[in-house]
């Protein structure tokens, strides 16, 4: 079991008992919650809590943490975990009748050691398959039957890959629609030194102005105040350049046309009990999402949405001057 260095919420405890399989290790995390630990041969690692099906840690082969997890994160159901990669399903934000971001992020998921065939182009041996099905209480608030399968994998170069498969299993013949996001919190050195490339010239909905529609004017997105935007019809590849750490995150996505960019800045950070007052300086959410046009599935139909995160030296550019490179480049 790996040593926990982040965060230390009140009453958090870690147990040393664990079970292993050929692909992963199951261990006790904060407050006795089960977590899955993935490790690849080169030393990269990831941790996934069964509560929320939520990735809470992704480290490179130098054991550097690449995701942000608040020091005040509350690992106590039904509270969602602040940081890592929460799953927003079946509703993003407050765009619907459910509680904000839906219920998948505060339900207990199950390890699925016998998932249906999973076409994949990676030779990764470090992966785990999780599944979520609705409880009776879930069906009362969202009256649909579904199977949500999630595979979390580490690629041969330390990439973090999440693949979601959501199937309509309704017996009443009814379709359902949902919105979705991988609510990824990246760890950055200093938000004022970070730039995001790949979203220039695109339209976005500004959540700070009642979702009014604007067009991005800058040649890259930089940060000097609160940002909460839904970018529409975004390329399959987005880059987050961290000048101080000389590191660039590359986000590749499939089946997820939109992208959310969020940083709460100082005033909102102070209003969140599970978020440190100054932690906004060291995080940035860039989320692969399907929001503007909800996904609709007929009974028996399945949707797949994939996210791949990797890091490269900061000399990397996403190809902002040639949009074709952003979309088709390697």
C-alpha atoms as a PDB file:
ATOM      1  CA  UNK A   1       0.000   0.000   0.000  1.00  0.00           C
ATOM      2  CA  UNK A   2       1.332   3.411  -0.895  1.00  0.00           C
ATOM      3  CA  UNK A   3       1.938   6.061   1.726  1.00  0.00           C
ATOM      4  CA  UNK A   4      -0.738   8.745   1.994  1.00  0.00           C
ATOM      5  CA  UNK A   5       0.696  12.268   1.914  1.00  0.00           C
ATOM      6  CA  UNK A   6      -2.428  14.169   0.872  1.00  0.00           C
ATOM      7  CA  UNK A   7      -4.873  15.316   2.373  1.00  0.00           C
ATOM      8  CA  UNK A   8      -5.381  14.831   6.099  1.00  0.00           C
ATOM      9  CA  UNK A   9      -9.044  15.525   6.756  1.00  0.00           C
ATOM     10  CA  UNK A  10     -10.400  15.375  10.271  1.00  0.00           C
ATOM     11  CA  UNK A  11     -10.931  11.805  11.428  1.00  0.00           C
ATOM     12  CA  UNK A  12      -9.163  10.425   8.353  1.00  0.00           C
ATOM     13  CA  UNK A  13      -7.600   7.056   8.909  1.00  0.00           C
ATOM     14  CA  UNK A  14      -5.832   4.532   6.746  1.00  0.00           C
ATOM     15  CA  UNK A  15      -5.728   0.801   7.307  1.00  0.00           C
ATOM     16  CA  UNK A  16      -2.903  -1.439   6.139  1.00  0.00           C
ATOM     17  CA  UNK A  17      -5.095  -4.361   5.075  1.00  0.00           C
ATOM     18  CA  UNK A  18      -5.231  -4.913   1.340  1.00  0.00           C
ATOM     19  CA  UNK A  19      -6.036  -7.452  -1.342  1.00  0.00           C
ATOM     20  CA  UNK A  20      -4.378  -7.751  -4.719  1.00  0.00           C
ATOM     21  CA  UNK A  21      -5.139  -9.012  -8.203  1.00  0.00           C
ATOM     22  CA  UNK A  22      -2.887  -9.265 -11.225  1.00  0.00           C
ATOM     23  CA  UNK A  23      -3.849  -5.734 -12.319  1.00  0.00           C
ATOM     24  CA  UNK A  24      -4.472  -3.797  -9.138  1.00  0.00           C
ATOM     25  CA  UNK A  25      -4.398  -3.682  -5.365  1.00  0.00           C
ATOM     26  CA  UNK A  26      -7.377  -2.915  -3.143  1.00  0.00           C
ATOM     27  CA  UNK A  27      -6.583  -1.078   0.070  1.00  0.00           C
ATOM     28  CA  UNK A  28      -8.249   1.004   2.753  1.00  0.00           C
ATOM     29  CA  UNK A  29      -8.048   4.754   2.261  1.00  0.00           C
ATOM     30  CA  UNK A  30      -9.335   7.681   4.296  1.00  0.00           C
ATOM     31  CA  UNK A  31     -12.092   6.859   6.785  1.00  0.00           C
ATOM     32  CA  UNK A  32     -11.833   3.199   5.838  1.00  0.00           C
ATOM     33  CA  UNK A  33     -13.109   3.766   2.297  1.00  0.00           C
ATOM     34  CA  UNK A  34     -11.918   1.176  -0.216  1.00  0.00           C
ATOM     35  CA  UNK A  35      -9.548   2.336  -2.914  1.00  0.00           C
ATOM     36  CA  UNK A  36      -7.867   0.662  -5.854  1.00  0.00           C
ATOM     37  CA  UNK A  37      -4.160   1.238  -6.515  1.00  0.00           C
ATOM     38  CA  UNK A  38      -2.749   0.872 -10.027  1.00  0.00           C
ATOM     39  CA  UNK A  39       0.990   0.757 -10.747  1.00  0.00           C
ATOM     40  CA  UNK A  40       2.843   0.375 -14.007  1.00  0.00           C
ATOM     41  CA  UNK A  41       6.262  -1.151 -14.537  1.00  0.00           C
ATOM     42  CA  UNK A  42       7.965   2.239 -14.876  1.00  0.00           C
ATOM     43  CA  UNK A  43       6.695   3.547 -11.540  1.00  0.00           C
ATOM     44  CA  UNK A  44       3.619   5.583 -12.441  1.00  0.00           C
ATOM     45  CA  UNK A  45       0.596   5.065 -10.214  1.00  0.00           C
ATOM     46  CA  UNK A  46      -3.061   5.962  -9.789  1.00  0.00           C
ATOM     47  CA  UNK A  47      -5.585   5.589  -6.990  1.00  0.00           C
ATOM     48  CA  UNK A  48      -9.332   5.185  -7.454  1.00  0.00           C
ATOM     49  CA  UNK A  49     -11.851   5.295  -4.620  1.00  0.00           C
ATOM     50  CA  UNK A  50     -14.829   2.970  -5.016  1.00  0.00           C
ATOM     51  CA  UNK A  51     -16.812   5.786  -3.448  1.00  0.00           C
ATOM     52  CA  UNK A  52     -17.641   7.882  -6.486  1.00  0.00           C
ATOM     53  CA  UNK A  53     -15.590   5.726  -8.844  1.00  0.00           C
ATOM     54  CA  UNK A  54     -13.229   8.644  -8.377  1.00  0.00           C
ATOM     55  CA  UNK A  55      -9.567   8.896  -9.312  1.00  0.00           C
ATOM     56  CA  UNK A  56      -7.903  10.791  -6.451  1.00  0.00           C
ATOM     57  CA  UNK A  57      -4.226  10.416  -7.368  1.00  0.00           C
ATOM     58  CA  UNK A  58      -2.132  10.126 -10.522  1.00  0.00           C
ATOM     59  CA  UNK A  59       1.646  10.153 -10.118  1.00  0.00           C
ATOM     60  CA  UNK A  60       4.394  10.019 -12.707  1.00  0.00           C
ATOM     61  CA  UNK A  61       7.451   7.776 -12.535  1.00  0.00           C
ATOM     62  CA  UNK A  62       9.151  10.393 -10.344  1.00  0.00           C
ATOM     63  CA  UNK A  63       6.301  10.023  -7.808  1.00  0.00           C
ATOM     64  CA  UNK A  64       5.144  13.600  -8.512  1.00  0.00           C
ATOM     65  CA  UNK A  65       1.418  14.122  -7.949  1.00  0.00           C
ATOM     66  CA  UNK A  66      -0.273  15.377 -11.102  1.00  0.00           C
ATOM     67  CA  UNK A  67      -3.831  15.829  -9.817  1.00  0.00           C
ATOM     68  CA  UNK A  68      -5.037  18.323  -7.233  1.00  0.00           C
ATOM     69  CA  UNK A  69      -6.771  17.049  -4.113  1.00  0.00           C
ATOM     70  CA  UNK A  70      -7.834  19.593  -1.518  1.00  0.00           C
ATOM     71  CA  UNK A  71      -6.229  19.336   1.910  1.00  0.00           C
ATOM     72  CA  UNK A  72      -9.760  19.851   3.237  1.00  0.00           C
ATOM     73  CA  UNK A  73     -11.384  17.164   1.093  1.00  0.00           C
ATOM     74  CA  UNK A  74     -14.089  15.325   3.027  1.00  0.00           C
ATOM     75  CA  UNK A  75     -13.900  11.566   2.615  1.00  0.00           C
ATOM     76  CA  UNK A  76     -17.262  10.957   4.191  1.00  0.00           C
ATOM     77  CA  UNK A  77     -20.396   9.957   2.252  1.00  0.00           C
ATOM     78  CA  UNK A  78     -22.599  11.474   1.000  1.00  0.00           C
ATOM     79  CA  UNK A  79     -20.210  14.398   0.503  1.00  0.00           C
ATOM     80  CA  UNK A  80     -18.381  14.361  -2.831  1.00  0.00           C
ATOM     81  CA  UNK A  81     -14.571  14.265  -2.714  1.00  0.00           C
ATOM     82  CA  UNK A  82     -13.035  17.658  -3.603  1.00  0.00           C
ATOM     83  CA  UNK A  83     -10.347  17.003  -6.203  1.00  0.00           C
ATOM     84  CA  UNK A  84      -9.053  14.264  -8.454  1.00  0.00           C
ATOM     85  CA  UNK A  85     -11.528  13.342 -11.197  1.00  0.00           C
ATOM     86  CA  UNK A  86     -15.172  13.337 -10.029  1.00  0.00           C
ATOM     87  CA  UNK A  87     -17.662  11.861 -12.499  1.00  0.00           C
ATOM     88  CA  UNK A  88     -20.591  14.149 -13.320  1.00  0.00           C
ATOM     89  CA  UNK A  89     -23.523  11.912 -14.310  1.00  0.00           C
ATOM     90  CA  UNK A  90     -26.391  11.946 -15.182  1.00  0.00           C
ATOM     91  CA  UNK A  91     -26.345  15.720 -14.904  1.00  0.00           C
ATOM     92  CA  UNK A  92     -23.638  18.342 -15.218  1.00  0.00           C
ATOM     93  CA  UNK A  93     -23.852  21.214 -12.725  1.00  0.00           C
ATOM     94  CA  UNK A  94     -27.416  22.415 -12.083  1.00  0.00           C
ATOM     95  CA  UNK A  95     -28.579  21.860 -15.671  1.00  0.00           C
ATOM     96  CA  UNK A  96     -31.532  19.719 -14.655  1.00  0.00           C
ATOM     97  CA  UNK A  97     -33.688  18.599 -11.714  1.00  0.00           C
ATOM     98  CA  UNK A  98     -31.017  16.662  -9.785  1.00  0.00           C
ATOM     99  CA  UNK A  99     -28.506  17.894  -7.237  1.00  0.00           C
ATOM    100  CA  UNK A 100     -25.530  19.598  -8.871  1.00  0.00           C
ATOM    101  CA  UNK A 101     -23.379  17.210 -10.930  1.00  0.00           C
ATOM    102  CA  UNK A 102     -25.737  14.265 -10.483  1.00  0.00           C
ATOM    103  CA  UNK A 103     -25.257  11.278  -8.191  1.00  0.00           C
ATOM    104  CA  UNK A 104     -22.539   9.036  -9.693  1.00  0.00           C
ATOM    105  CA  UNK A 105     -19.807  10.865  -7.737  1.00  0.00           C
ATOM    106  CA  UNK A 106     -21.364  10.046  -4.372  1.00  0.00           C
ATOM    107  CA  UNK A 107     -22.372   6.439  -4.874  1.00  0.00           C
ATOM    108  CA  UNK A 108     -20.403   3.298  -4.074  1.00  0.00           C
ATOM    109  CA  UNK A 109     -19.144   1.547  -7.197  1.00  0.00           C
ATOM    110  CA  UNK A 110     -18.318  -2.162  -7.545  1.00  0.00           C
ATOM    111  CA  UNK A 111     -15.229  -3.766  -9.063  1.00  0.00           C
ATOM    112  CA  UNK A 112     -16.230  -5.746 -12.140  1.00  0.00           C
ATOM    113  CA  UNK A 113     -13.746  -8.541 -12.783  1.00  0.00           C
ATOM    114  CA  UNK A 114     -15.749  -9.917 -15.716  1.00  0.00           C
ATOM    115  CA  UNK A 115     -16.797  -6.963 -17.890  1.00  0.00           C
ATOM    116  CA  UNK A 116     -18.135  -7.437 -21.426  1.00  0.00           C
ATOM    117  CA  UNK A 117     -15.533  -7.265 -24.211  1.00  0.00           C
ATOM    118  CA  UNK A 118     -13.639  -4.012 -24.059  1.00  0.00           C
ATOM    119  CA  UNK A 119     -12.072  -2.955 -27.370  1.00  0.00           C
ATOM    120  CA  UNK A 120      -8.954  -0.995 -26.554  1.00  0.00           C
ATOM    121  CA  UNK A 121      -5.806   0.025 -28.373  1.00  0.00           C
ATOM    122  CA  UNK A 122      -3.533  -0.063 -25.353  1.00  0.00           C
ATOM    123  CA  UNK A 123      -1.457  -2.907 -24.037  1.00  0.00           C
ATOM    124  CA  UNK A 124      -1.900  -1.652 -20.493  1.00  0.00           C
ATOM    125  CA  UNK A 125      -1.807  -4.292 -17.798  1.00  0.00           C
ATOM    126  CA  UNK A 126      -2.511  -1.805 -15.002  1.00  0.00           C
ATOM    127  CA  UNK A 127      -6.253  -1.233 -15.082  1.00  0.00           C
ATOM    128  CA  UNK A 128      -9.448  -1.782 -13.152  1.00  0.00           C
ATOM    129  CA  UNK A 129     -13.056  -2.045 -14.278  1.00  0.00           C
ATOM    130  CA  UNK A 130     -15.819  -0.571 -12.116  1.00  0.00           C
ATOM    131  CA  UNK A 131     -19.582  -0.648 -12.497  1.00  0.00           C
ATOM    132  CA  UNK A 132     -22.463   1.415 -11.134  1.00  0.00           C
ATOM    133  CA  UNK A 133     -26.139   0.448 -11.319  1.00  0.00           C
ATOM    134  CA  UNK A 134     -28.995   2.527  -9.922  1.00  0.00           C
ATOM    135  CA  UNK A 135     -30.404   1.861  -6.481  1.00  0.00           C
ATOM    136  CA  UNK A 136     -34.116   2.083  -5.744  1.00  0.00           C
ATOM    137  CA  UNK A 137     -33.495   5.556  -4.329  1.00  0.00           C
ATOM    138  CA  UNK A 138     -31.682   6.595  -7.507  1.00  0.00           C
ATOM    139  CA  UNK A 139     -34.613   5.477  -9.652  1.00  0.00           C
ATOM    140  CA  UNK A 140     -36.955   7.594  -7.523  1.00  0.00           C
ATOM    141  CA  UNK A 141     -35.032  10.747  -8.412  1.00  0.00           C
ATOM    142  CA  UNK A 142     -33.981   9.700 -11.949  1.00  0.00           C
ATOM    143  CA  UNK A 143     -36.431   7.027 -13.151  1.00  0.00           C
ATOM    144  CA  UNK A 144     -34.186   5.102 -15.519  1.00  0.00           C
ATOM    145  CA  UNK A 145     -32.301   1.821 -15.443  1.00  0.00           C
ATOM    146  CA  UNK A 146     -28.675   1.978 -16.588  1.00  0.00           C
ATOM    147  CA  UNK A 147     -25.263   0.368 -16.360  1.00  0.00           C
ATOM    148  CA  UNK A 148     -22.284   2.711 -16.058  1.00  0.00           C
ATOM    149  CA  UNK A 149     -19.006   0.893 -16.653  1.00  0.00           C
ATOM    150  CA  UNK A 150     -15.727   2.691 -16.033  1.00  0.00           C
ATOM    151  CA  UNK A 151     -12.249   1.487 -16.900  1.00  0.00           C
ATOM    152  CA  UNK A 152      -9.302   3.334 -15.329  1.00  0.00           C
ATOM    153  CA  UNK A 153      -5.933   2.384 -16.832  1.00  0.00           C
ATOM    154  CA  UNK A 154      -2.302   3.446 -16.856  1.00  0.00           C
ATOM    155  CA  UNK A 155      -0.708   3.473 -20.306  1.00  0.00           C
ATOM    156  CA  UNK A 156       2.825   2.273 -21.083  1.00  0.00           C
ATOM    157  CA  UNK A 157       4.120   5.843 -20.855  1.00  0.00           C
ATOM    158  CA  UNK A 158       2.330   6.627 -17.599  1.00  0.00           C
ATOM    159  CA  UNK A 159      -0.760   8.063 -19.297  1.00  0.00           C
ATOM    160  CA  UNK A 160      -3.976   8.023 -17.306  1.00  0.00           C
ATOM    161  CA  UNK A 161      -6.912   6.721 -19.330  1.00  0.00           C
ATOM    162  CA  UNK A 162     -10.575   6.738 -18.315  1.00  0.00           C
ATOM    163  CA  UNK A 163     -13.216   5.118 -20.486  1.00  0.00           C
ATOM    164  CA  UNK A 164     -16.897   5.335 -19.581  1.00  0.00           C
ATOM    165  CA  UNK A 165     -19.573   3.133 -21.120  1.00  0.00           C
ATOM    166  CA  UNK A 166     -23.167   3.987 -20.243  1.00  0.00           C
ATOM    167  CA  UNK A 167     -25.990   1.698 -21.379  1.00  0.00           C
ATOM    168  CA  UNK A 168     -29.738   2.190 -21.249  1.00  0.00           C
ATOM    169  CA  UNK A 169     -31.176  -0.952 -19.617  1.00  0.00           C
ATOM    170  CA  UNK A 170     -34.770   0.310 -19.323  1.00  0.00           C
ATOM    171  CA  UNK A 171     -37.399  -2.390 -19.746  1.00  0.00           C
ATOM    172  CA  UNK A 172     -40.200   0.072 -20.469  1.00  0.00           C
ATOM    173  CA  UNK A 173     -38.922   1.056 -23.903  1.00  0.00           C
ATOM    174  CA  UNK A 174     -38.124   4.583 -22.842  1.00  0.00           C
ATOM    175  CA  UNK A 175     -35.010   6.469 -23.923  1.00  0.00           C
ATOM    176  CA  UNK A 176     -33.117   8.677 -21.500  1.00  0.00           C
ATOM    177  CA  UNK A 177     -30.858  11.683 -21.873  1.00  0.00           C
ATOM    178  CA  UNK A 178     -27.929  12.804 -19.746  1.00  0.00           C
ATOM    179  CA  UNK A 179     -25.083  15.263 -19.569  1.00  0.00           C
ATOM    180  CA  UNK A 180     -21.606  14.233 -18.461  1.00  0.00           C
ATOM    181  CA  UNK A 181     -18.152  15.476 -17.457  1.00  0.00           C
ATOM    182  CA  UNK A 182     -14.827  14.178 -16.222  1.00  0.00           C
ATOM    183  CA  UNK A 183     -14.362  16.966 -13.648  1.00  0.00           C
ATOM    184  CA  UNK A 184     -10.540  16.822 -13.709  1.00  0.00           C
ATOM    185  CA  UNK A 185      -8.587  18.869 -11.153  1.00  0.00           C
ATOM    186  CA  UNK A 186      -5.006  19.357 -12.387  1.00  0.00           C
ATOM    187  CA  UNK A 187      -2.197  20.222  -9.989  1.00  0.00           C
ATOM    188  CA  UNK A 188      -0.361  23.356 -11.153  1.00  0.00           C
ATOM    189  CA  UNK A 189       2.485  25.389  -9.687  1.00  0.00           C
ATOM    190  CA  UNK A 190       0.820  28.814  -9.876  1.00  0.00           C
ATOM    191  CA  UNK A 191      -2.458  29.513 -11.676  1.00  0.00           C
ATOM    192  CA  UNK A 192      -1.155  32.905 -12.822  1.00  0.00           C
ATOM    193  CA  UNK A 193       1.668  31.118 -14.708  1.00  0.00           C
ATOM    194  CA  UNK A 194      -0.588  28.643 -16.522  1.00  0.00           C
ATOM    195  CA  UNK A 195      -2.012  28.867 -20.024  1.00  0.00           C
ATOM    196  CA  UNK A 196      -4.472  26.633 -21.850  1.00  0.00           C
ATOM    197  CA  UNK A 197      -4.111  26.114 -25.606  1.00  0.00           C
ATOM    198  CA  UNK A 198      -6.601  24.594 -28.007  1.00  0.00           C
ATOM    199  CA  UNK A 199      -9.685  26.650 -27.088  1.00  0.00           C
ATOM    200  CA  UNK A 200      -8.861  29.858 -28.958  1.00  0.00           C
ATOM    201  CA  UNK A 201     -11.538  31.280 -31.324  1.00  0.00           C
ATOM    202  CA  UNK A 202     -14.182  28.934 -29.852  1.00  0.00           C
ATOM    203  CA  UNK A 203     -17.572  29.865 -28.443  1.00  0.00           C
ATOM    204  CA  UNK A 204     -18.202  29.380 -24.737  1.00  0.00           C
ATOM    205  CA  UNK A 205     -21.008  29.793 -22.226  1.00  0.00           C
ATOM    206  CA  UNK A 206     -19.964  31.932 -19.270  1.00  0.00           C
ATOM    207  CA  UNK A 207     -21.419  30.473 -16.071  1.00  0.00           C
ATOM    208  CA  UNK A 208     -20.519  33.709 -14.257  1.00  0.00           C
ATOM    209  CA  UNK A 209     -22.866  35.619 -16.594  1.00  0.00           C
ATOM    210  CA  UNK A 210     -25.927  33.351 -16.637  1.00  0.00           C
ATOM    211  CA  UNK A 211     -24.411  31.208 -19.374  1.00  0.00           C
ATOM    212  CA  UNK A 212     -24.288  34.032 -21.871  1.00  0.00           C
ATOM    213  CA  UNK A 213     -22.477  33.018 -25.065  1.00  0.00           C
ATOM    214  CA  UNK A 214     -19.123  34.572 -25.996  1.00  0.00           C
ATOM    215  CA  UNK A 215     -16.266  33.837 -28.380  1.00  0.00           C
ATOM    216  CA  UNK A 216     -12.745  33.309 -27.020  1.00  0.00           C
ATOM    217  CA  UNK A 217     -10.520  36.138 -28.244  1.00  0.00           C
ATOM    218  CA  UNK A 218      -7.094  35.321 -26.834  1.00  0.00           C
ATOM    219  CA  UNK A 219      -4.425  33.176 -28.489  1.00  0.00           C
ATOM    220  CA  UNK A 220      -4.372  31.158 -25.250  1.00  0.00           C
ATOM    221  CA  UNK A 221      -6.401  31.143 -22.062  1.00  0.00           C
ATOM    222  CA  UNK A 222      -4.659  32.681 -19.014  1.00  0.00           C
ATOM    223  CA  UNK A 223      -5.955  33.344 -15.519  1.00  0.00           C
ATOM    224  CA  UNK A 224      -6.191  36.438 -13.345  1.00  0.00           C
ATOM    225  CA  UNK A 225      -9.674  36.067 -11.841  1.00  0.00           C
ATOM    226  CA  UNK A 226     -12.471  33.529 -11.393  1.00  0.00           C
ATOM    227  CA  UNK A 227     -13.225  31.491 -14.525  1.00  0.00           C
ATOM    228  CA  UNK A 228     -16.193  29.153 -15.072  1.00  0.00           C
ATOM    229  CA  UNK A 229     -16.851  28.458 -18.744  1.00  0.00           C
ATOM    230  CA  UNK A 230     -18.268  25.732 -20.963  1.00  0.00           C
ATOM    231  CA  UNK A 231     -16.393  25.732 -24.285  1.00  0.00           C
ATOM    232  CA  UNK A 232     -18.406  24.247 -27.153  1.00  0.00           C
ATOM    233  CA  UNK A 233     -17.369  21.901 -29.956  1.00  0.00           C
ATOM    234  CA  UNK A 234     -13.787  21.727 -28.726  1.00  0.00           C
ATOM    235  CA  UNK A 235     -10.933  19.843 -30.421  1.00  0.00           C
ATOM    236  CA  UNK A 236     -10.017  16.334 -29.383  1.00  0.00           C
ATOM    237  CA  UNK A 237      -6.771  17.637 -27.882  1.00  0.00           C
ATOM    238  CA  UNK A 238      -6.149  20.459 -25.378  1.00  0.00           C
ATOM    239  CA  UNK A 239      -2.874  21.470 -23.719  1.00  0.00           C
ATOM    240  CA  UNK A 240      -2.287  22.986 -20.262  1.00  0.00           C
ATOM    241  CA  UNK A 241       1.144  24.623 -20.066  1.00  0.00           C
ATOM    242  CA  UNK A 242       2.654  25.062 -16.589  1.00  0.00           C
ATOM    243  CA  UNK A 243       5.541  27.472 -17.037  1.00  0.00           C
ATOM    244  CA  UNK A 244       7.061  27.110 -13.582  1.00  0.00           C
ATOM    245  CA  UNK A 245       7.047  23.305 -13.556  1.00  0.00           C
ATOM    246  CA  UNK A 246       8.182  23.167 -17.189  1.00  0.00           C
ATOM    247  CA  UNK A 247       5.413  20.656 -17.713  1.00  0.00           C
ATOM    248  CA  UNK A 248       2.516  20.432 -20.130  1.00  0.00           C
ATOM    249  CA  UNK A 249      -0.574  18.323 -19.600  1.00  0.00           C
ATOM    250  CA  UNK A 250      -2.082  16.967 -22.801  1.00  0.00           C
ATOM    251  CA  UNK A 251      -5.773  16.112 -22.632  1.00  0.00           C
ATOM    252  CA  UNK A 252      -7.167  13.893 -25.387  1.00  0.00           C
ATOM    253  CA  UNK A 253     -10.853  13.081 -25.507  1.00  0.00           C
ATOM    254  CA  UNK A 254     -13.318  11.126 -27.584  1.00  0.00           C
ATOM    255  CA  UNK A 255     -17.121  11.259 -27.484  1.00  0.00           C
ATOM    256  CA  UNK A 256     -16.952  14.420 -25.372  1.00  0.00           C
ATOM    257  CA  UNK A 257     -17.438  17.501 -27.565  1.00  0.00           C
ATOM    258  CA  UNK A 258     -17.369  20.174 -24.853  1.00  0.00           C
ATOM    259  CA  UNK A 259     -14.761  21.360 -22.358  1.00  0.00           C
ATOM    260  CA  UNK A 260     -15.224  23.100 -19.020  1.00  0.00           C
ATOM    261  CA  UNK A 261     -12.569  25.420 -17.571  1.00  0.00           C
ATOM    262  CA  UNK A 262     -12.907  26.367 -13.904  1.00  0.00           C
ATOM    263  CA  UNK A 263     -10.923  28.085 -11.188  1.00  0.00           C
ATOM    264  CA  UNK A 264     -12.845  29.550  -8.210  1.00  0.00           C
ATOM    265  CA  UNK A 265     -10.248  32.242  -7.348  1.00  0.00           C
ATOM    266  CA  UNK A 266      -9.971  33.727  -3.872  1.00  0.00           C
ATOM    267  CA  UNK A 267     -13.468  34.843  -2.901  1.00  0.00           C
ATOM    268  CA  UNK A 268     -15.260  31.639  -3.893  1.00  0.00           C
ATOM    269  CA  UNK A 269     -12.428  29.491  -2.484  1.00  0.00           C
ATOM    270  CA  UNK A 270     -13.019  31.014   0.953  1.00  0.00           C
ATOM    271  CA  UNK A 271     -16.718  30.169   0.739  1.00  0.00           C
ATOM    272  CA  UNK A 272     -16.142  26.420   0.205  1.00  0.00           C
ATOM    273  CA  UNK A 273     -15.672  24.464   3.461  1.00  0.00           C
ATOM    274  CA  UNK A 274     -13.857  21.589   1.728  1.00  0.00           C
ATOM    275  CA  UNK A 275     -11.393  23.838  -0.117  1.00  0.00           C
ATOM    276  CA  UNK A 276      -8.399  25.710   1.342  1.00  0.00           C
ATOM    277  CA  UNK A 277      -8.486  29.513   1.095  1.00  0.00           C
ATOM    278  CA  UNK A 278      -5.347  29.694  -1.060  1.00  0.00           C
ATOM    279  CA  UNK A 279      -5.589  26.354  -2.856  1.00  0.00           C
ATOM    280  CA  UNK A 280      -7.074  27.959  -5.967  1.00  0.00           C
ATOM    281  CA  UNK A 281      -3.507  29.030  -6.813  1.00  0.00           C
ATOM    282  CA  UNK A 282      -2.430  25.424  -7.277  1.00  0.00           C
ATOM    283  CA  UNK A 283      -5.302  23.885  -9.233  1.00  0.00           C
ATOM    284  CA  UNK A 284      -7.111  24.179 -12.526  1.00  0.00           C
ATOM    285  CA  UNK A 285     -10.097  22.210 -13.750  1.00  0.00           C
ATOM    286  CA  UNK A 286     -10.163  21.449 -17.455  1.00  0.00           C
ATOM    287  CA  UNK A 287     -12.948  18.971 -18.052  1.00  0.00           C
ATOM    288  CA  UNK A 288     -13.883  16.781 -20.990  1.00  0.00           C
ATOM    289  CA  UNK A 289     -17.664  16.944 -21.189  1.00  0.00           C
ATOM    290  CA  UNK A 290     -20.903  16.474 -23.107  1.00  0.00           C
ATOM    291  CA  UNK A 291     -23.157  19.317 -22.017  1.00  0.00           C
ATOM    292  CA  UNK A 292     -24.625  21.507 -24.770  1.00  0.00           C
ATOM    293  CA  UNK A 293     -26.268  18.572 -26.564  1.00  0.00           C
ATOM    294  CA  UNK A 294     -27.318  15.887 -24.048  1.00  0.00           C
ATOM    295  CA  UNK A 295     -26.585  12.272 -24.949  1.00  0.00           C
ATOM    296  CA  UNK A 296     -29.795  10.319 -25.660  1.00  0.00           C
ATOM    297  CA  UNK A 297     -29.861   6.516 -25.519  1.00  0.00           C
ATOM    298  CA  UNK A 298     -32.663   4.196 -26.520  1.00  0.00           C
ATOM    299  CA  UNK A 299     -33.018   0.923 -24.558  1.00  0.00           C
ATOM    300  CA  UNK A 300     -30.057  -1.310 -25.353  1.00  0.00           C
ATOM    301  CA  UNK A 301     -27.941   1.532 -26.726  1.00  0.00           C
ATOM    302  CA  UNK A 302     -24.540   2.351 -25.242  1.00  0.00           C
ATOM    303  CA  UNK A 303     -22.489   5.553 -25.229  1.00  0.00           C
ATOM    304  CA  UNK A 304     -18.712   5.656 -24.778  1.00  0.00           C
ATOM    305  CA  UNK A 305     -16.652   8.641 -23.647  1.00  0.00           C
ATOM    306  CA  UNK A 306     -12.890   8.460 -23.309  1.00  0.00           C
ATOM    307  CA  UNK A 307     -10.297  10.694 -21.685  1.00  0.00           C
ATOM    308  CA  UNK A 308      -6.527  10.285 -21.884  1.00  0.00           C
ATOM    309  CA  UNK A 309      -4.166  12.450 -19.827  1.00  0.00           C
ATOM    310  CA  UNK A 310      -0.431  12.619 -20.376  1.00  0.00           C
ATOM    311  CA  UNK A 311       2.455  14.983 -19.670  1.00  0.00           C
ATOM    312  CA  UNK A 312       5.250  16.231 -21.904  1.00  0.00           C
ATOM    313  CA  UNK A 313       8.047  18.796 -21.464  1.00  0.00           C
ATOM    314  CA  UNK A 314       6.751  22.354 -21.597  1.00  0.00           C
ATOM    315  CA  UNK A 315       8.328  23.179 -24.946  1.00  0.00           C
ATOM    316  CA  UNK A 316       5.261  21.380 -26.319  1.00  0.00           C
ATOM    317  CA  UNK A 317       2.586  23.430 -28.058  1.00  0.00           C
ATOM    318  CA  UNK A 318      -0.871  22.215 -28.942  1.00  0.00           C
ATOM    319  CA  UNK A 319      -0.663  23.742 -32.417  1.00  0.00           C
ATOM    320  CA  UNK A 320      -2.675  26.894 -31.818  1.00  0.00           C
ATOM    321  CA  UNK A 321      -1.604  28.521 -35.098  1.00  0.00           C
ATOM    322  CA  UNK A 322      -2.729  25.509 -37.118  1.00  0.00           C
ATOM    323  CA  UNK A 323      -6.092  24.195 -35.911  1.00  0.00           C
ATOM    324  CA  UNK A 324      -5.604  21.020 -37.950  1.00  0.00           C
ATOM    325  CA  UNK A 325      -2.655  20.106 -35.736  1.00  0.00           C
ATOM    326  CA  UNK A 326      -4.753  20.492 -32.628  1.00  0.00           C
ATOM    327  CA  UNK A 327      -7.382  18.148 -34.009  1.00  0.00           C
ATOM    328  CA  UNK A 328      -5.251  15.660 -35.952  1.00  0.00           C
ATOM    329  CA  UNK A 329      -1.764  15.998 -34.478  1.00  0.00           C
ATOM    330  CA  UNK A 330      -0.104  13.254 -32.518  1.00  0.00           C
END
